[in-house]
């Protein structure tokens, strides 16, 4: 039986108004506890199922296989710098089912989309908010996301919804300025599809 990865992560790989909402099962907070506890490589390796998997491109990496994230099978990669955890990556096979459920699961955990990049086209919520309404931005996101088959490579940058709307109120001009201007730590997520796989990166800003 696969183990369940827990986490209060959430991605709105849908849109700001939740027009593509799905149902999913909340799974807990274990995934976030890795960051909360500022875990080291030694801490992580205390779990007998986690093993060293570094390579030339990722010299400090640990792995955990055959997990479940909201019912979807994933492998987990822990990325470290100076032996301290900086990001957690979930990797799954790209299928239409996985694509939909993983997006809805992330949204269920409270994330909202801040920027979309597909085929050299980018929609940055903060940039567009300076001259368009949220409804118009939402429509632009739908057009861009639905304009390509799900197998087409894409990247979604997500923030906790409260952080996103706080930055919108502060009239930040870019996704990057929202992150860099914050005086508190918060989780970010990147949902990426490429070469037949889905990767979700969780990190602290």
N, C-alpha and C. Protein backbone atom coordinates (compact mmCIF):
# COMPACT_ATOMS: atom_id res chain seq x y z
N UNK A 1 0.85 -1.20 0.00
CA UNK A 1 0.00 0.00 0.00
C UNK A 1 0.88 1.25 0.00
N UNK A 2 0.48 2.22 -0.79
CA UNK A 2 1.26 3.45 -0.85
C UNK A 2 1.01 4.28 0.40
N UNK A 3 2.02 5.03 0.79
CA UNK A 3 1.89 5.95 1.92
C UNK A 3 1.24 7.24 1.46
N UNK A 4 0.56 7.91 2.36
CA UNK A 4 -0.07 9.17 2.04
C UNK A 4 0.83 10.30 2.48
N UNK A 5 1.15 11.18 1.53
CA UNK A 5 1.88 12.40 1.89
C UNK A 5 0.84 13.40 2.32
N UNK A 6 1.11 14.03 3.43
CA UNK A 6 0.15 14.99 3.91
C UNK A 6 0.66 16.38 3.63
N UNK A 7 -0.24 17.32 3.54
CA UNK A 7 0.22 18.67 3.29
C UNK A 7 -0.93 19.62 3.13
N UNK A 8 -0.84 20.77 3.72
CA UNK A 8 -1.83 21.81 3.51
C UNK A 8 -1.32 22.71 2.40
N UNK A 9 -0.99 22.10 1.27
CA UNK A 9 -0.59 22.87 0.12
C UNK A 9 -1.79 23.01 -0.76
N UNK A 10 -1.89 24.02 -1.55
CA UNK A 10 -3.03 24.10 -2.40
C UNK A 10 -2.74 24.90 -3.62
N UNK A 11 -3.19 24.42 -4.74
CA UNK A 11 -2.94 25.15 -5.95
C UNK A 11 -4.23 25.40 -6.66
N UNK A 12 -4.42 26.59 -7.08
CA UNK A 12 -5.57 26.92 -7.88
C UNK A 12 -5.08 26.84 -9.32
N UNK A 13 -4.87 25.68 -9.83
CA UNK A 13 -4.46 25.57 -11.21
C UNK A 13 -5.72 25.78 -12.01
N UNK A 14 -6.58 26.48 -11.48
CA UNK A 14 -7.77 26.88 -12.14
C UNK A 14 -7.63 28.37 -12.27
N UNK A 15 -8.53 29.13 -11.65
CA UNK A 15 -8.45 30.56 -11.82
C UNK A 15 -8.78 31.26 -10.53
N UNK A 16 -8.62 32.58 -10.53
CA UNK A 16 -8.80 33.34 -9.30
C UNK A 16 -10.19 33.18 -8.72
N UNK A 17 -11.17 33.03 -9.56
CA UNK A 17 -12.53 32.93 -9.05
C UNK A 17 -12.96 31.49 -8.82
N UNK A 18 -12.03 30.56 -9.05
CA UNK A 18 -12.35 29.15 -8.77
C UNK A 18 -13.31 28.56 -9.77
N UNK A 19 -13.22 28.95 -11.03
CA UNK A 19 -14.17 28.48 -12.02
C UNK A 19 -13.97 27.02 -12.38
N UNK A 20 -12.79 26.47 -12.05
CA UNK A 20 -12.54 25.07 -12.33
C UNK A 20 -12.44 24.27 -11.03
N UNK A 21 -13.26 24.57 -10.06
CA UNK A 21 -13.15 23.90 -8.76
C UNK A 21 -13.47 22.42 -8.90
N UNK A 22 -12.70 21.58 -8.20
CA UNK A 22 -12.94 20.14 -8.14
C UNK A 22 -13.09 19.75 -6.67
N UNK A 23 -13.53 18.52 -6.46
CA UNK A 23 -13.57 17.99 -5.09
C UNK A 23 -12.30 17.21 -4.82
N UNK A 24 -11.75 17.30 -3.62
CA UNK A 24 -10.57 16.53 -3.26
C UNK A 24 -10.58 16.31 -1.76
N UNK A 25 -9.72 15.43 -1.32
CA UNK A 25 -9.67 15.06 0.09
C UNK A 25 -8.50 15.76 0.76
N UNK A 26 -8.75 16.48 1.84
CA UNK A 26 -7.68 17.13 2.58
C UNK A 26 -6.84 16.05 3.26
N UNK A 27 -5.52 16.23 3.23
CA UNK A 27 -4.65 15.16 3.68
C UNK A 27 -3.80 15.49 4.89
N UNK A 28 -3.86 16.67 5.47
CA UNK A 28 -3.10 16.92 6.68
C UNK A 28 -1.98 17.92 6.51
N UNK A 29 -0.95 17.82 7.37
CA UNK A 29 0.08 18.86 7.41
C UNK A 29 1.51 18.34 7.41
N UNK A 30 1.72 17.06 7.18
CA UNK A 30 3.07 16.50 7.27
C UNK A 30 4.03 17.15 6.28
N UNK A 31 3.59 17.37 5.06
CA UNK A 31 4.47 17.95 4.05
C UNK A 31 5.01 19.30 4.50
N UNK A 32 4.17 20.15 5.08
CA UNK A 32 4.61 21.46 5.52
C UNK A 32 5.50 21.38 6.76
N UNK A 33 5.36 20.29 7.51
CA UNK A 33 6.17 20.18 8.73
C UNK A 33 7.64 20.08 8.40
N UNK A 34 7.98 19.61 7.20
CA UNK A 34 9.38 19.56 6.82
C UNK A 34 9.99 20.96 6.86
N UNK A 35 9.24 21.95 6.35
CA UNK A 35 9.73 23.32 6.35
C UNK A 35 9.67 23.92 7.75
N UNK A 36 8.56 23.69 8.42
CA UNK A 36 8.37 24.28 9.74
C UNK A 36 9.49 23.90 10.69
N UNK A 37 9.95 22.67 10.58
CA UNK A 37 10.98 22.18 11.49
C UNK A 37 12.39 22.41 10.97
N UNK A 38 12.52 23.13 9.83
CA UNK A 38 13.84 23.47 9.28
C UNK A 38 14.73 22.22 9.21
N UNK A 39 14.23 21.19 8.57
CA UNK A 39 14.88 19.88 8.64
C UNK A 39 16.17 19.84 7.85
N UNK A 40 17.12 19.08 8.37
CA UNK A 40 18.40 18.87 7.73
C UNK A 40 18.39 17.53 7.01
N UNK A 41 19.44 17.27 6.23
CA UNK A 41 19.56 15.98 5.56
C UNK A 41 19.57 14.85 6.60
N UNK A 42 20.25 15.07 7.69
CA UNK A 42 20.31 14.05 8.75
C UNK A 42 18.93 13.78 9.33
N UNK A 43 18.15 14.85 9.53
CA UNK A 43 16.79 14.68 10.05
C UNK A 43 15.94 13.85 9.09
N UNK A 44 16.04 14.18 7.80
CA UNK A 44 15.23 13.49 6.81
C UNK A 44 15.62 12.03 6.68
N UNK A 45 16.91 11.75 6.71
CA UNK A 45 17.39 10.37 6.56
C UNK A 45 17.05 9.51 7.77
N UNK A 46 16.58 10.13 8.84
CA UNK A 46 16.12 9.37 10.00
C UNK A 46 14.92 8.51 9.63
N UNK A 47 14.15 9.00 8.61
CA UNK A 47 13.07 8.20 8.06
C UNK A 47 13.70 7.14 7.16
N UNK A 48 13.52 5.88 7.50
CA UNK A 48 14.21 4.80 6.80
C UNK A 48 13.81 4.68 5.33
N UNK A 49 12.67 5.26 4.94
CA UNK A 49 12.23 5.17 3.55
C UNK A 49 12.85 6.24 2.65
N UNK A 50 13.47 7.26 3.25
CA UNK A 50 14.10 8.33 2.49
C UNK A 50 15.55 7.95 2.21
N UNK A 51 15.99 8.18 0.97
CA UNK A 51 17.34 7.76 0.60
C UNK A 51 18.04 8.83 -0.22
N UNK A 52 19.35 8.76 -0.28
CA UNK A 52 20.18 9.68 -1.03
C UNK A 52 19.99 9.43 -2.53
N UNK A 53 19.76 10.50 -3.30
CA UNK A 53 19.56 10.33 -4.74
C UNK A 53 20.17 11.49 -5.53
N UNK A 54 21.23 12.05 -5.04
CA UNK A 54 21.88 13.17 -5.71
C UNK A 54 22.44 12.73 -7.06
N UNK A 55 22.54 13.71 -7.97
CA UNK A 55 23.16 13.46 -9.26
C UNK A 55 23.93 14.71 -9.68
N UNK A 56 24.41 14.73 -10.91
CA UNK A 56 25.25 15.85 -11.36
C UNK A 56 24.49 17.17 -11.36
N UNK A 57 23.19 17.14 -11.67
CA UNK A 57 22.41 18.38 -11.75
C UNK A 57 21.85 18.80 -10.40
N UNK A 58 21.66 17.84 -9.51
CA UNK A 58 21.14 18.15 -8.16
C UNK A 58 22.03 17.48 -7.14
N UNK A 59 23.12 18.14 -6.76
CA UNK A 59 24.13 17.51 -5.89
C UNK A 59 23.66 17.25 -4.46
N UNK A 60 22.61 17.92 -4.01
CA UNK A 60 22.09 17.67 -2.66
C UNK A 60 20.61 17.35 -2.76
N UNK A 61 20.31 16.07 -2.85
CA UNK A 61 18.92 15.66 -3.05
C UNK A 61 18.66 14.32 -2.35
N UNK A 62 17.49 14.23 -1.71
CA UNK A 62 17.02 13.00 -1.11
C UNK A 62 15.69 12.64 -1.75
N UNK A 63 15.35 11.35 -1.74
CA UNK A 63 14.13 10.90 -2.42
C UNK A 63 13.29 9.99 -1.53
N UNK A 64 12.01 9.99 -1.83
CA UNK A 64 11.03 9.13 -1.14
C UNK A 64 10.04 8.67 -2.20
N UNK A 65 9.98 7.37 -2.45
CA UNK A 65 9.18 6.85 -3.56
C UNK A 65 7.82 6.32 -3.10
N UNK A 66 6.96 6.16 -4.11
CA UNK A 66 5.68 5.47 -3.94
C UNK A 66 4.82 6.05 -2.83
N UNK A 67 4.55 7.36 -2.95
CA UNK A 67 3.68 8.05 -2.01
C UNK A 67 2.37 8.41 -2.71
N UNK A 68 1.42 8.90 -1.94
CA UNK A 68 0.16 9.39 -2.49
C UNK A 68 -0.03 10.84 -2.06
N UNK A 69 -0.38 11.67 -3.01
CA UNK A 69 -0.77 13.04 -2.69
C UNK A 69 -2.18 13.24 -3.23
N UNK A 70 -3.15 13.35 -2.33
CA UNK A 70 -4.55 13.43 -2.72
C UNK A 70 -4.92 12.34 -3.72
N UNK A 71 -4.60 11.13 -3.41
CA UNK A 71 -4.94 9.92 -4.17
C UNK A 71 -4.08 9.72 -5.41
N UNK A 72 -3.21 10.67 -5.75
CA UNK A 72 -2.39 10.55 -6.95
C UNK A 72 -1.00 10.02 -6.55
N UNK A 73 -0.52 8.96 -7.21
CA UNK A 73 0.82 8.44 -6.88
C UNK A 73 1.92 9.42 -7.28
N UNK A 74 2.83 9.66 -6.37
CA UNK A 74 3.94 10.59 -6.62
C UNK A 74 5.21 10.04 -6.01
N UNK A 75 6.34 10.47 -6.57
CA UNK A 75 7.64 10.32 -5.93
C UNK A 75 8.05 11.69 -5.40
N UNK A 76 8.77 11.70 -4.29
CA UNK A 76 9.11 12.95 -3.62
C UNK A 76 10.61 13.17 -3.69
N UNK A 77 11.00 14.41 -4.00
CA UNK A 77 12.41 14.80 -3.98
C UNK A 77 12.59 15.95 -3.00
N UNK A 78 13.55 15.81 -2.11
CA UNK A 78 13.87 16.86 -1.15
C UNK A 78 15.15 17.56 -1.62
N UNK A 79 15.05 18.83 -1.95
CA UNK A 79 16.20 19.59 -2.43
C UNK A 79 16.81 20.36 -1.26
N UNK A 80 18.12 20.26 -1.12
CA UNK A 80 18.80 20.87 0.02
C UNK A 80 19.91 21.81 -0.45
N UNK A 81 20.21 22.80 0.37
CA UNK A 81 21.36 23.68 0.19
C UNK A 81 22.10 23.72 1.52
N UNK A 82 23.38 23.41 1.47
CA UNK A 82 24.17 23.34 2.70
C UNK A 82 23.51 22.40 3.72
N UNK A 83 22.99 21.31 3.18
CA UNK A 83 22.36 20.24 3.99
C UNK A 83 21.08 20.66 4.69
N UNK A 84 20.48 21.81 4.29
CA UNK A 84 19.19 22.24 4.86
C UNK A 84 18.14 22.19 3.75
N UNK A 85 16.95 21.79 4.11
CA UNK A 85 15.86 21.68 3.15
C UNK A 85 15.43 23.04 2.61
N UNK A 86 15.36 23.18 1.28
CA UNK A 86 14.89 24.43 0.67
C UNK A 86 13.63 24.24 -0.17
N UNK A 87 13.40 23.02 -0.68
CA UNK A 87 12.18 22.79 -1.45
C UNK A 87 11.86 21.31 -1.48
N UNK A 88 10.57 21.03 -1.67
CA UNK A 88 10.09 19.67 -1.81
C UNK A 88 9.40 19.57 -3.16
N UNK A 89 9.76 18.56 -3.92
CA UNK A 89 9.20 18.38 -5.27
C UNK A 89 8.42 17.07 -5.32
N UNK A 90 7.19 17.15 -5.81
CA UNK A 90 6.39 15.96 -6.06
C UNK A 90 6.37 15.70 -7.56
N UNK A 91 6.61 14.47 -7.97
CA UNK A 91 6.69 14.12 -9.39
C UNK A 91 5.70 13.01 -9.69
N UNK A 92 4.90 13.22 -10.74
CA UNK A 92 3.91 12.22 -11.14
C UNK A 92 3.87 12.12 -12.66
N UNK A 93 3.33 11.03 -13.14
CA UNK A 93 3.16 10.84 -14.59
C UNK A 93 2.06 11.79 -15.07
N UNK A 94 2.28 12.40 -16.23
CA UNK A 94 1.30 13.32 -16.79
C UNK A 94 0.19 12.56 -17.50
N UNK A 95 -0.99 12.54 -16.88
CA UNK A 95 -2.21 12.04 -17.52
C UNK A 95 -3.28 13.10 -17.29
N UNK A 96 -4.36 13.03 -18.03
CA UNK A 96 -5.42 14.01 -17.85
C UNK A 96 -5.99 13.92 -16.43
N UNK A 97 -6.13 12.71 -15.91
CA UNK A 97 -6.66 12.54 -14.55
C UNK A 97 -5.72 13.16 -13.52
N UNK A 98 -4.44 12.84 -13.60
CA UNK A 98 -3.47 13.40 -12.67
C UNK A 98 -3.42 14.92 -12.78
N UNK A 99 -3.47 15.41 -14.00
CA UNK A 99 -3.41 16.85 -14.25
C UNK A 99 -4.55 17.58 -13.53
N UNK A 100 -5.76 17.03 -13.64
CA UNK A 100 -6.90 17.67 -13.01
C UNK A 100 -6.92 17.55 -11.50
N UNK A 101 -6.65 16.33 -11.00
CA UNK A 101 -6.75 16.10 -9.55
C UNK A 101 -5.65 16.84 -8.80
N UNK A 102 -4.43 16.86 -9.32
CA UNK A 102 -3.35 17.56 -8.63
C UNK A 102 -3.62 19.06 -8.56
N UNK A 103 -4.16 19.61 -9.63
CA UNK A 103 -4.49 21.03 -9.60
C UNK A 103 -5.57 21.32 -8.57
N UNK A 104 -6.60 20.51 -8.57
CA UNK A 104 -7.69 20.76 -7.62
C UNK A 104 -7.25 20.53 -6.18
N UNK A 105 -6.35 19.58 -5.98
CA UNK A 105 -5.85 19.32 -4.63
C UNK A 105 -5.06 20.51 -4.11
N UNK A 106 -4.25 21.10 -4.96
CA UNK A 106 -3.49 22.28 -4.57
C UNK A 106 -4.42 23.44 -4.27
N UNK A 107 -5.43 23.59 -5.08
CA UNK A 107 -6.40 24.66 -4.83
C UNK A 107 -7.13 24.42 -3.51
N UNK A 108 -7.46 23.18 -3.25
CA UNK A 108 -8.15 22.84 -2.01
C UNK A 108 -7.32 23.26 -0.80
N UNK A 109 -6.00 23.23 -0.95
CA UNK A 109 -5.12 23.60 0.14
C UNK A 109 -4.90 25.10 0.26
N UNK A 110 -5.54 25.88 -0.59
CA UNK A 110 -5.55 27.32 -0.36
C UNK A 110 -4.68 28.18 -1.25
N UNK A 111 -4.08 27.61 -2.29
CA UNK A 111 -3.26 28.42 -3.18
C UNK A 111 -4.10 29.08 -4.26
N UNK A 112 -3.57 30.16 -4.81
CA UNK A 112 -4.21 30.86 -5.92
C UNK A 112 -3.16 31.15 -6.97
N UNK A 113 -3.57 31.16 -8.20
CA UNK A 113 -2.63 31.34 -9.29
C UNK A 113 -2.18 32.79 -9.38
N UNK A 114 -0.88 33.00 -9.54
CA UNK A 114 -0.32 34.35 -9.63
C UNK A 114 0.29 34.63 -10.99
N UNK A 115 0.75 33.58 -11.66
CA UNK A 115 1.35 33.78 -12.97
C UNK A 115 1.29 32.48 -13.76
N UNK A 116 1.01 32.59 -15.06
CA UNK A 116 0.95 31.44 -15.95
C UNK A 116 1.88 31.69 -17.13
N UNK A 117 2.64 30.67 -17.50
CA UNK A 117 3.52 30.78 -18.66
C UNK A 117 3.33 29.54 -19.54
N UNK A 118 2.91 29.76 -20.78
CA UNK A 118 2.71 28.69 -21.75
C UNK A 118 3.15 29.20 -23.12
N UNK A 119 4.02 28.45 -23.78
CA UNK A 119 4.38 28.75 -25.17
C UNK A 119 4.82 30.21 -25.35
N UNK A 120 5.72 30.67 -24.49
CA UNK A 120 6.24 32.04 -24.55
C UNK A 120 5.17 33.11 -24.31
N UNK A 121 4.03 32.71 -23.80
CA UNK A 121 2.98 33.65 -23.42
C UNK A 121 2.85 33.63 -21.90
N UNK A 122 2.76 34.80 -21.29
CA UNK A 122 2.70 34.90 -19.83
C UNK A 122 1.56 35.82 -19.41
N UNK A 123 0.82 35.37 -18.41
CA UNK A 123 -0.18 36.22 -17.76
C UNK A 123 0.25 36.37 -16.31
N UNK A 124 0.64 37.58 -15.92
CA UNK A 124 1.01 37.89 -14.54
C UNK A 124 -0.16 38.65 -13.92
N UNK A 125 -0.75 38.06 -12.90
CA UNK A 125 -1.94 38.64 -12.28
C UNK A 125 -1.67 40.06 -11.79
N UNK A 126 -0.50 40.28 -11.22
CA UNK A 126 -0.18 41.59 -10.64
C UNK A 126 -0.01 42.66 -11.72
N UNK A 127 0.66 42.30 -12.81
CA UNK A 127 0.84 43.24 -13.91
C UNK A 127 -0.51 43.63 -14.50
N UNK A 128 -1.36 42.62 -14.73
CA UNK A 128 -2.64 42.90 -15.36
C UNK A 128 -3.60 43.63 -14.44
N UNK A 129 -3.43 43.43 -13.13
CA UNK A 129 -4.36 44.07 -12.18
C UNK A 129 -4.23 45.59 -12.18
N UNK A 130 -3.15 46.10 -12.73
CA UNK A 130 -2.96 47.55 -12.77
C UNK A 130 -3.86 48.22 -13.80
N UNK A 131 -4.41 47.42 -14.72
CA UNK A 131 -5.24 48.01 -15.77
C UNK A 131 -6.50 47.19 -16.08
N UNK A 132 -6.69 46.06 -15.37
CA UNK A 132 -7.87 45.24 -15.63
C UNK A 132 -8.50 44.78 -14.32
N UNK A 133 -9.75 44.42 -14.40
CA UNK A 133 -10.46 43.90 -13.24
C UNK A 133 -10.07 42.44 -13.02
N UNK A 134 -10.34 41.93 -11.81
CA UNK A 134 -10.08 40.53 -11.51
C UNK A 134 -10.84 39.63 -12.47
N UNK A 135 -12.07 40.01 -12.80
CA UNK A 135 -12.87 39.20 -13.72
C UNK A 135 -12.21 39.12 -15.09
N UNK A 136 -11.65 40.23 -15.58
CA UNK A 136 -10.98 40.23 -16.88
C UNK A 136 -9.71 39.39 -16.84
N UNK A 137 -8.96 39.49 -15.74
CA UNK A 137 -7.75 38.69 -15.60
C UNK A 137 -8.11 37.21 -15.59
N UNK A 138 -9.16 36.87 -14.87
CA UNK A 138 -9.63 35.49 -14.79
C UNK A 138 -9.95 34.96 -16.18
N UNK A 139 -10.63 35.79 -16.98
CA UNK A 139 -10.97 35.39 -18.34
C UNK A 139 -9.72 35.18 -19.18
N UNK A 140 -8.72 36.04 -19.01
CA UNK A 140 -7.47 35.89 -19.76
C UNK A 140 -6.76 34.59 -19.40
N UNK A 141 -6.79 34.25 -18.10
CA UNK A 141 -6.17 33.01 -17.65
C UNK A 141 -6.87 31.80 -18.27
N UNK A 142 -8.19 31.84 -18.31
CA UNK A 142 -8.95 30.73 -18.88
C UNK A 142 -8.60 30.55 -20.35
N UNK A 143 -8.54 31.65 -21.08
CA UNK A 143 -8.22 31.58 -22.51
C UNK A 143 -6.84 30.98 -22.72
N UNK A 144 -5.86 31.43 -21.95
CA UNK A 144 -4.50 30.94 -22.11
C UNK A 144 -4.39 29.47 -21.72
N UNK A 145 -4.91 29.10 -20.56
CA UNK A 145 -4.79 27.72 -20.08
C UNK A 145 -5.53 26.74 -20.98
N UNK A 146 -6.72 27.12 -21.44
CA UNK A 146 -7.53 26.21 -22.26
C UNK A 146 -7.16 26.25 -23.73
N UNK A 147 -6.24 27.14 -24.10
CA UNK A 147 -5.85 27.26 -25.50
C UNK A 147 -4.87 26.20 -25.97
N UNK A 148 -4.42 25.34 -25.05
CA UNK A 148 -3.44 24.31 -25.39
C UNK A 148 -3.87 22.99 -24.78
N UNK A 149 -3.55 21.87 -25.44
CA UNK A 149 -3.86 20.57 -24.84
C UNK A 149 -3.09 20.40 -23.53
N UNK A 150 -3.63 19.57 -22.64
CA UNK A 150 -3.03 19.46 -21.31
C UNK A 150 -1.59 18.94 -21.37
N UNK A 151 -1.24 18.23 -22.46
CA UNK A 151 0.13 17.69 -22.57
C UNK A 151 1.15 18.77 -22.90
N UNK A 152 0.68 19.97 -23.30
CA UNK A 152 1.60 21.01 -23.73
C UNK A 152 2.36 21.56 -22.51
N UNK A 153 3.69 21.71 -22.60
CA UNK A 153 4.46 22.21 -21.44
C UNK A 153 3.94 23.54 -20.94
N UNK A 154 3.86 23.67 -19.62
CA UNK A 154 3.34 24.89 -18.99
C UNK A 154 3.90 25.03 -17.59
N UNK A 155 3.76 26.23 -17.04
CA UNK A 155 4.23 26.49 -15.67
C UNK A 155 3.30 27.47 -15.00
N UNK A 156 2.81 27.10 -13.83
CA UNK A 156 1.93 27.95 -13.03
C UNK A 156 2.64 28.30 -11.73
N UNK A 157 2.68 29.57 -11.40
CA UNK A 157 3.24 30.03 -10.13
C UNK A 157 2.07 30.37 -9.21
N UNK A 158 2.13 29.84 -7.99
CA UNK A 158 1.00 30.00 -7.07
C UNK A 158 1.44 30.53 -5.73
N UNK A 159 0.54 31.26 -5.09
CA UNK A 159 0.75 31.82 -3.76
C UNK A 159 -0.44 31.47 -2.88
N UNK A 160 -0.25 31.46 -1.57
CA UNK A 160 -1.43 31.37 -0.70
C UNK A 160 -2.40 32.48 -1.07
N UNK A 161 -3.68 32.19 -1.11
CA UNK A 161 -4.64 33.17 -1.59
C UNK A 161 -4.64 34.45 -0.77
N UNK A 162 -4.41 34.34 0.55
CA UNK A 162 -4.40 35.56 1.36
C UNK A 162 -3.20 36.44 1.01
N UNK A 163 -2.06 35.81 0.70
CA UNK A 163 -0.88 36.57 0.29
C UNK A 163 -1.13 37.25 -1.06
N UNK A 164 -1.72 36.51 -1.99
CA UNK A 164 -1.98 37.08 -3.31
C UNK A 164 -2.88 38.30 -3.22
N UNK A 165 -3.97 38.19 -2.49
CA UNK A 165 -4.89 39.32 -2.43
C UNK A 165 -4.32 40.47 -1.60
N UNK A 166 -3.47 40.17 -0.63
CA UNK A 166 -2.79 41.24 0.10
C UNK A 166 -1.88 42.02 -0.85
N UNK A 167 -1.15 41.31 -1.71
CA UNK A 167 -0.27 41.98 -2.67
C UNK A 167 -1.06 42.77 -3.70
N UNK A 168 -2.22 42.25 -4.08
CA UNK A 168 -3.07 43.00 -5.01
C UNK A 168 -3.54 44.30 -4.36
N UNK A 169 -3.90 44.25 -3.10
CA UNK A 169 -4.32 45.46 -2.38
C UNK A 169 -3.19 46.47 -2.28
N UNK A 170 -1.95 45.95 -2.16
CA UNK A 170 -0.77 46.82 -2.08
C UNK A 170 -0.31 47.29 -3.46
N UNK A 171 -0.99 46.80 -4.50
CA UNK A 171 -0.73 47.20 -5.89
C UNK A 171 0.69 46.88 -6.33
N UNK A 172 1.16 45.69 -5.97
CA UNK A 172 2.45 45.25 -6.49
C UNK A 172 2.34 45.02 -7.99
N UNK A 173 3.41 45.35 -8.72
CA UNK A 173 3.35 45.31 -10.17
C UNK A 173 3.71 43.95 -10.76
N UNK A 174 4.41 43.10 -9.99
CA UNK A 174 4.87 41.82 -10.51
C UNK A 174 4.75 40.74 -9.44
N UNK A 175 4.64 39.51 -9.89
CA UNK A 175 4.66 38.36 -9.00
C UNK A 175 5.93 38.39 -8.14
N UNK A 176 7.07 38.67 -8.76
CA UNK A 176 8.34 38.66 -8.05
C UNK A 176 8.40 39.72 -6.96
N UNK A 177 7.81 40.89 -7.20
CA UNK A 177 7.84 41.95 -6.18
C UNK A 177 6.94 41.59 -5.00
N UNK A 178 5.89 40.87 -5.25
CA UNK A 178 5.03 40.41 -4.15
C UNK A 178 5.82 39.52 -3.21
N UNK A 179 6.59 38.60 -3.77
CA UNK A 179 7.38 37.68 -2.95
C UNK A 179 8.49 38.41 -2.21
N UNK A 180 9.23 39.25 -2.93
CA UNK A 180 10.40 39.88 -2.33
C UNK A 180 10.04 40.94 -1.29
N UNK A 181 8.85 41.50 -1.36
CA UNK A 181 8.47 42.59 -0.46
C UNK A 181 7.96 42.10 0.89
N UNK A 182 7.66 40.81 0.99
CA UNK A 182 7.05 40.30 2.22
C UNK A 182 8.07 40.22 3.35
N UNK A 183 7.63 40.59 4.53
CA UNK A 183 8.49 40.51 5.72
C UNK A 183 8.30 39.20 6.46
N UNK A 184 7.40 38.36 5.99
CA UNK A 184 7.16 37.07 6.63
C UNK A 184 7.40 35.94 5.63
N UNK A 185 7.66 34.76 6.14
CA UNK A 185 7.86 33.60 5.29
C UNK A 185 6.51 32.96 4.96
N UNK A 186 6.35 32.59 3.71
CA UNK A 186 5.15 31.86 3.33
C UNK A 186 5.51 30.86 2.23
N UNK A 187 4.67 29.88 2.06
CA UNK A 187 4.93 28.84 1.09
C UNK A 187 4.53 29.28 -0.31
N UNK A 188 5.32 28.89 -1.29
CA UNK A 188 4.98 29.11 -2.68
C UNK A 188 4.93 27.76 -3.38
N UNK A 189 4.27 27.72 -4.52
CA UNK A 189 4.19 26.47 -5.28
C UNK A 189 4.36 26.77 -6.76
N UNK A 190 4.99 25.84 -7.45
CA UNK A 190 5.10 25.90 -8.90
C UNK A 190 4.60 24.57 -9.46
N UNK A 191 3.64 24.63 -10.35
CA UNK A 191 3.10 23.45 -11.01
C UNK A 191 3.65 23.45 -12.42
N UNK A 192 4.35 22.39 -12.81
CA UNK A 192 5.03 22.38 -14.11
C UNK A 192 4.78 21.05 -14.82
N UNK A 193 4.48 21.11 -16.11
CA UNK A 193 4.37 19.91 -16.92
C UNK A 193 5.40 19.97 -18.04
N UNK A 194 6.13 18.87 -18.22
CA UNK A 194 7.13 18.80 -19.29
C UNK A 194 7.56 17.35 -19.45
N UNK A 195 7.77 16.95 -20.70
CA UNK A 195 8.29 15.61 -21.02
C UNK A 195 7.49 14.49 -20.37
N UNK A 196 6.18 14.62 -20.41
CA UNK A 196 5.32 13.54 -19.92
C UNK A 196 5.23 13.40 -18.41
N UNK A 197 5.65 14.43 -17.66
CA UNK A 197 5.56 14.35 -16.21
C UNK A 197 5.03 15.66 -15.63
N UNK A 198 4.54 15.56 -14.41
CA UNK A 198 4.08 16.73 -13.65
C UNK A 198 4.99 16.89 -12.45
N UNK A 199 5.49 18.08 -12.23
CA UNK A 199 6.28 18.38 -11.04
C UNK A 199 5.61 19.52 -10.28
N UNK A 200 5.51 19.36 -8.99
CA UNK A 200 5.02 20.42 -8.12
C UNK A 200 6.09 20.73 -7.10
N UNK A 201 6.56 21.97 -7.12
CA UNK A 201 7.61 22.41 -6.20
C UNK A 201 7.00 23.25 -5.09
N UNK A 202 7.29 22.89 -3.85
CA UNK A 202 6.90 23.67 -2.70
C UNK A 202 8.15 24.24 -2.05
N UNK A 203 8.13 25.52 -1.73
CA UNK A 203 9.28 26.12 -1.07
C UNK A 203 8.82 27.30 -0.23
N UNK A 204 9.74 27.84 0.59
CA UNK A 204 9.48 29.06 1.33
C UNK A 204 10.07 30.21 0.56
N UNK A 205 9.36 31.37 0.57
CA UNK A 205 9.87 32.53 -0.16
C UNK A 205 11.15 33.06 0.48
